[in-house]
Amino acid sequence: MRQSRIVIGVVVLTVAASATGIVLNAVNKPYAVRQTALAARLQEVLSAPPSEAEAFQADYAQWKSTIEGRAGVWDSLVPPPAPKVAPPDPGKEMAGISVLKGSAGSGVNAKVRLSAPGNERGKMFKVGDAVTPNVTVKEVTANQIIFDVKVGGQTVTHPLPR
């Protein structure tokens, strides 16, 4: 019984303190002083006469001509284009290779008779076989034979009529 009276008393005191705080906050307006001070400073700034010094006027045309005239400015931003290199010529590697009679079929299972340096009578080759260390049969069609030729570290395709 005694404990319930104590609990009720604490609740009543808490509610009363909260209500008092709300009423005092509504009456006193704690930020009113700060608001009037800021309004006075703002009015002071707005009513000040403009500066006698002229506003900065940028000469964009002069800046543009100065910057465009300096080639070194763009070197770090835009790398120069790579020099054009002519594709390698596989003619030197293909010298001495010719198609002979006696080819059979076309496509993946086709075999063609080719003569190579050191083998003038010819030999039968299929797709994927190496004719020389740098020349490989890539594809056989009804009208031509396409070779993969390694020239200067690059692989180039080279067709020969059948």
C-alpha atoms as a PDB file:
ATOM      1  CA  MET A   1       0.000   0.000   0.000  1.00  0.00           C
ATOM      2  CA  ARG A   2       2.722   2.359   0.952  1.00  0.00           C
ATOM      3  CA  GLN A   3       4.653   1.549  -2.201  1.00  0.00           C
ATOM      4  CA  SER A   4       1.700   2.299  -4.439  1.00  0.00           C
ATOM      5  CA  ARG A   5       1.355   5.770  -2.867  1.00  0.00           C
ATOM      6  CA  ILE A   6       5.042   6.427  -3.501  1.00  0.00           C
ATOM      7  CA  VAL A   7       4.730   5.319  -7.140  1.00  0.00           C
ATOM      8  CA  ILE A   8       1.648   7.472  -7.665  1.00  0.00           C
ATOM      9  CA  GLY A   9       3.453  10.451  -6.095  1.00  0.00           C
ATOM     10  CA  VAL A  10       6.471  10.029  -8.371  1.00  0.00           C
ATOM     11  CA  VAL A  11       4.229   9.804 -11.458  1.00  0.00           C
ATOM     12  CA  VAL A  12       2.302  12.943 -10.418  1.00  0.00           C
ATOM     13  CA  LEU A  13       5.552  14.873  -9.830  1.00  0.00           C
ATOM     14  CA  THR A  14       6.930  13.758 -13.210  1.00  0.00           C
ATOM     15  CA  VAL A  15       3.778  14.812 -15.060  1.00  0.00           C
ATOM     16  CA  ALA A  16       3.743  18.159 -13.236  1.00  0.00           C
ATOM     17  CA  ALA A  17       7.418  18.824 -14.045  1.00  0.00           C
ATOM     18  CA  SER A  18       6.866  17.996 -17.704  1.00  0.00           C
ATOM     19  CA  ALA A  19       3.816  20.246 -17.940  1.00  0.00           C
ATOM     20  CA  THR A  20       5.715  23.088 -16.243  1.00  0.00           C
ATOM     21  CA  GLY A  21       8.603  22.709 -18.734  1.00  0.00           C
ATOM     22  CA  ILE A  22       6.247  22.790 -21.698  1.00  0.00           C
ATOM     23  CA  VAL A  23       4.487  25.919 -20.454  1.00  0.00           C
ATOM     24  CA  LEU A  24       7.778  27.729 -19.678  1.00  0.00           C
ATOM     25  CA  ASN A  25       9.216  26.825 -23.083  1.00  0.00           C
ATOM     26  CA  ALA A  26       6.122  28.200 -24.838  1.00  0.00           C
ATOM     27  CA  VAL A  27       6.196  31.440 -22.852  1.00  0.00           C
ATOM     28  CA  ASN A  28       9.920  32.220 -22.814  1.00  0.00           C
ATOM     29  CA  LYS A  29      10.859  31.224 -26.434  1.00  0.00           C
ATOM     30  CA  PRO A  30      14.573  30.496 -25.811  1.00  0.00           C
ATOM     31  CA  TYR A  31      15.662  31.186 -29.421  1.00  0.00           C
ATOM     32  CA  ALA A  32      13.868  34.530 -29.717  1.00  0.00           C
ATOM     33  CA  VAL A  33      16.963  36.501 -28.586  1.00  0.00           C
ATOM     34  CA  ARG A  34      19.204  34.686 -31.073  1.00  0.00           C
ATOM     35  CA  GLN A  35      16.657  35.188 -33.859  1.00  0.00           C
ATOM     36  CA  THR A  36      16.485  38.954 -33.308  1.00  0.00           C
ATOM     37  CA  ALA A  37      20.304  39.210 -33.201  1.00  0.00           C
ATOM     38  CA  LEU A  38      20.645  37.341 -36.508  1.00  0.00           C
ATOM     39  CA  ALA A  39      17.920  39.448 -38.129  1.00  0.00           C
ATOM     40  CA  ALA A  40      19.738  42.638 -37.067  1.00  0.00           C
ATOM     41  CA  ARG A  41      23.053  41.401 -38.547  1.00  0.00           C
ATOM     42  CA  LEU A  42      21.345  40.385 -41.777  1.00  0.00           C
ATOM     43  CA  GLN A  43      19.753  43.814 -42.075  1.00  0.00           C
ATOM     44  CA  GLU A  44      23.165  45.398 -41.494  1.00  0.00           C
ATOM     45  CA  VAL A  45      24.754  43.344 -44.285  1.00  0.00           C
ATOM     46  CA  LEU A  46      21.933  43.989 -46.742  1.00  0.00           C
ATOM     47  CA  SER A  47      21.926  47.737 -46.158  1.00  0.00           C
ATOM     48  CA  ALA A  48      25.719  48.143 -46.637  1.00  0.00           C
ATOM     49  CA  PRO A  49      26.688  50.019 -49.842  1.00  0.00           C
ATOM     50  CA  PRO A  50      28.256  47.914 -52.602  1.00  0.00           C
ATOM     51  CA  SER A  51      32.039  47.784 -52.799  1.00  0.00           C
ATOM     52  CA  GLU A  52      33.699  50.493 -54.866  1.00  0.00           C
ATOM     53  CA  ALA A  53      36.105  47.999 -56.424  1.00  0.00           C
ATOM     54  CA  GLU A  54      34.890  46.712 -59.781  1.00  0.00           C
ATOM     55  CA  ALA A  55      33.763  43.131 -60.029  1.00  0.00           C
ATOM     56  CA  PHE A  56      36.274  40.747 -61.588  1.00  0.00           C
ATOM     57  CA  GLN A  57      35.746  40.397 -65.335  1.00  0.00           C
ATOM     58  CA  ALA A  58      37.435  37.332 -66.824  1.00  0.00           C
ATOM     59  CA  ASP A  59      38.838  37.549 -70.361  1.00  0.00           C
ATOM     60  CA  TYR A  60      37.931  34.057 -71.518  1.00  0.00           C
ATOM     61  CA  ALA A  61      39.076  34.579 -75.104  1.00  0.00           C
ATOM     62  CA  GLN A  62      42.593  35.473 -73.947  1.00  0.00           C
ATOM     63  CA  TRP A  63      42.705  32.475 -71.609  1.00  0.00           C
ATOM     64  CA  LYS A  64      41.570  30.166 -74.378  1.00  0.00           C
ATOM     65  CA  SER A  65      44.206  31.409 -76.819  1.00  0.00           C
ATOM     66  CA  THR A  66      46.921  31.150 -74.153  1.00  0.00           C
ATOM     67  CA  ILE A  67      45.990  27.588 -73.201  1.00  0.00           C
ATOM     68  CA  GLU A  68      45.572  26.381 -76.778  1.00  0.00           C
ATOM     69  CA  GLY A  69      48.937  27.895 -77.670  1.00  0.00           C
ATOM     70  CA  ARG A  70      50.740  25.727 -75.126  1.00  0.00           C
ATOM     71  CA  ALA A  71      51.043  22.235 -76.538  1.00  0.00           C
ATOM     72  CA  GLY A  72      52.741  20.956 -73.387  1.00  0.00           C
ATOM     73  CA  VAL A  73      49.574  21.542 -71.353  1.00  0.00           C
ATOM     74  CA  TRP A  74      47.735  18.771 -73.159  1.00  0.00           C
ATOM     75  CA  ASP A  75      50.570  16.218 -73.213  1.00  0.00           C
ATOM     76  CA  SER A  76      49.873  15.020 -69.687  1.00  0.00           C
ATOM     77  CA  LEU A  77      46.103  14.981 -70.205  1.00  0.00           C
ATOM     78  CA  VAL A  78      45.796  13.511 -73.695  1.00  0.00           C
ATOM     79  CA  PRO A  79      48.498  11.100 -74.830  1.00  0.00           C
ATOM     80  CA  PRO A  80      49.614  11.485 -78.434  1.00  0.00           C
ATOM     81  CA  PRO A  81      48.194   8.920 -80.853  1.00  0.00           C
ATOM     82  CA  ALA A  82      50.288   5.833 -81.486  1.00  0.00           C
ATOM     83  CA  PRO A  83      52.175   5.887 -84.783  1.00  0.00           C
ATOM     84  CA  LYS A  84      50.524   3.927 -87.568  1.00  0.00           C
ATOM     85  CA  VAL A  85      52.373   0.698 -88.231  1.00  0.00           C
ATOM     86  CA  ALA A  86      51.905  -1.068 -91.525  1.00  0.00           C
ATOM     87  CA  PRO A  87      50.666  -4.649 -91.136  1.00  0.00           C
ATOM     88  CA  PRO A  88      53.367  -7.257 -91.686  1.00  0.00           C
ATOM     89  CA  ASP A  89      53.681  -8.787 -95.138  1.00  0.00           C
ATOM     90  CA  PRO A  90      53.354 -12.594 -95.085  1.00  0.00           C
ATOM     91  CA  GLY A  91      54.708 -12.921 -98.642  1.00  0.00           C
ATOM     92  CA  LYS A  92      58.240 -13.722 -97.452  1.00  0.00           C
ATOM     93  CA  GLU A  93      57.055 -16.616 -95.260  1.00  0.00           C
ATOM     94  CA  MET A  94      54.734 -17.904 -98.001  1.00  0.00           C
ATOM     95  CA  ALA A  95      57.512 -17.986-100.627  1.00  0.00           C
ATOM     96  CA  GLY A  96      57.808 -21.464-102.132  1.00  0.00           C
ATOM     97  CA  ILE A  97      54.439 -22.725-100.871  1.00  0.00           C
ATOM     98  CA  SER A  98      52.027 -23.648-103.667  1.00  0.00           C
ATOM     99  CA  VAL A  99      48.882 -25.746-104.098  1.00  0.00           C
ATOM    100  CA  LEU A 100      49.257 -28.931-106.148  1.00  0.00           C
ATOM    101  CA  LYS A 101      46.677 -31.215-107.757  1.00  0.00           C
ATOM    102  CA  GLY A 102      45.299 -34.025-105.649  1.00  0.00           C
ATOM    103  CA  SER A 103      43.399 -32.104-102.969  1.00  0.00           C
ATOM    104  CA  ALA A 104      40.395 -33.850-101.419  1.00  0.00           C
ATOM    105  CA  GLY A 105      37.277 -32.253 -99.910  1.00  0.00           C
ATOM    106  CA  SER A 106      36.689 -28.972 -98.177  1.00  0.00           C
ATOM    107  CA  GLY A 107      35.947 -27.892 -94.613  1.00  0.00           C
ATOM    108  CA  VAL A 108      37.354 -29.409 -91.435  1.00  0.00           C
ATOM    109  CA  ASN A 109      38.151 -32.862 -92.855  1.00  0.00           C
ATOM    110  CA  ALA A 110      39.661 -31.607 -96.123  1.00  0.00           C
ATOM    111  CA  LYS A 111      43.167 -32.501 -97.172  1.00  0.00           C
ATOM    112  CA  VAL A 112      45.196 -30.442 -99.593  1.00  0.00           C
ATOM    113  CA  ARG A 113      48.445 -31.234-101.330  1.00  0.00           C
ATOM    114  CA  LEU A 114      50.987 -28.461-100.871  1.00  0.00           C
ATOM    115  CA  SER A 115      54.568 -28.080-101.947  1.00  0.00           C
ATOM    116  CA  ALA A 116      56.913 -26.351 -99.558  1.00  0.00           C
ATOM    117  CA  PRO A 117      60.600 -25.442 -99.686  1.00  0.00           C
ATOM    118  CA  GLY A 118      62.523 -28.712 -99.401  1.00  0.00           C
ATOM    119  CA  ASN A 119      59.457 -30.773-100.456  1.00  0.00           C
ATOM    120  CA  GLU A 120      58.706 -29.891-104.086  1.00  0.00           C
ATOM    121  CA  ARG A 121      56.716 -33.099-104.783  1.00  0.00           C
ATOM    122  CA  GLY A 122      54.219 -32.083-102.126  1.00  0.00           C
ATOM    123  CA  LYS A 123      52.578 -33.557 -99.095  1.00  0.00           C
ATOM    124  CA  MET A 124      48.965 -33.843 -97.892  1.00  0.00           C
ATOM    125  CA  PHE A 125      47.995 -31.360 -95.150  1.00  0.00           C
ATOM    126  CA  LYS A 126      44.762 -30.963 -93.205  1.00  0.00           C
ATOM    127  CA  VAL A 127      43.402 -28.060 -91.114  1.00  0.00           C
ATOM    128  CA  GLY A 128      45.770 -27.332 -88.216  1.00  0.00           C
ATOM    129  CA  ASP A 129      48.887 -28.890 -89.782  1.00  0.00           C
ATOM    130  CA  ALA A 130      52.081 -26.824 -89.952  1.00  0.00           C
ATOM    131  CA  VAL A 131      53.447 -26.450 -93.479  1.00  0.00           C
ATOM    132  CA  THR A 132      56.566 -24.643 -92.204  1.00  0.00           C
ATOM    133  CA  PRO A 133      57.384 -23.548 -88.639  1.00  0.00           C
ATOM    134  CA  ASN A 134      55.658 -20.193 -89.284  1.00  0.00           C
ATOM    135  CA  VAL A 135      52.840 -21.267 -91.645  1.00  0.00           C
ATOM    136  CA  THR A 136      49.786 -23.319 -90.562  1.00  0.00           C
ATOM    137  CA  VAL A 137      46.707 -24.377 -92.540  1.00  0.00           C
ATOM    138  CA  LYS A 138      43.774 -22.520 -90.944  1.00  0.00           C
ATOM    139  CA  GLU A 139      40.829 -23.275 -93.238  1.00  0.00           C
ATOM    140  CA  VAL A 140      40.085 -25.049 -96.498  1.00  0.00           C
ATOM    141  CA  THR A 141      37.196 -23.881 -98.659  1.00  0.00           C
ATOM    142  CA  ALA A 142      36.097 -24.888-102.146  1.00  0.00           C
ATOM    143  CA  ASN A 143      37.878 -21.881-103.719  1.00  0.00           C
ATOM    144  CA  GLN A 144      40.845 -21.123-101.475  1.00  0.00           C
ATOM    145  CA  ILE A 145      43.103 -22.238 -98.664  1.00  0.00           C
ATOM    146  CA  ILE A 146      43.613 -19.838 -95.759  1.00  0.00           C
ATOM    147  CA  PHE A 147      46.866 -19.938 -93.812  1.00  0.00           C
ATOM    148  CA  ASP A 148      47.907 -18.509 -90.437  1.00  0.00           C
ATOM    149  CA  VAL A 149      51.307 -16.917 -90.937  1.00  0.00           C
ATOM    150  CA  LYS A 150      53.466 -15.776 -88.002  1.00  0.00           C
ATOM    151  CA  VAL A 151      55.353 -12.633 -89.013  1.00  0.00           C
ATOM    152  CA  GLY A 152      57.204 -10.377 -86.581  1.00  0.00           C
ATOM    153  CA  GLY A 153      55.374 -11.646 -83.490  1.00  0.00           C
ATOM    154  CA  GLN A 154      51.949 -11.265 -85.107  1.00  0.00           C
ATOM    155  CA  THR A 155      49.687 -13.845 -86.717  1.00  0.00           C
ATOM    156  CA  VAL A 156      48.293 -12.823 -90.099  1.00  0.00           C
ATOM    157  CA  THR A 157      45.873 -14.735 -92.313  1.00  0.00           C
ATOM    158  CA  HIS A 158      46.874 -15.227 -95.926  1.00  0.00           C
ATOM    159  CA  PRO A 159      44.681 -16.880 -98.620  1.00  0.00           C
ATOM    160  CA  LEU A 160      45.899 -18.863-101.613  1.00  0.00           C
ATOM    161  CA  PRO A 161      43.548 -19.779-104.494  1.00  0.00           C
ATOM    162  CA  ARG A 162      42.888 -23.490-104.764  1.00  0.00           C
END
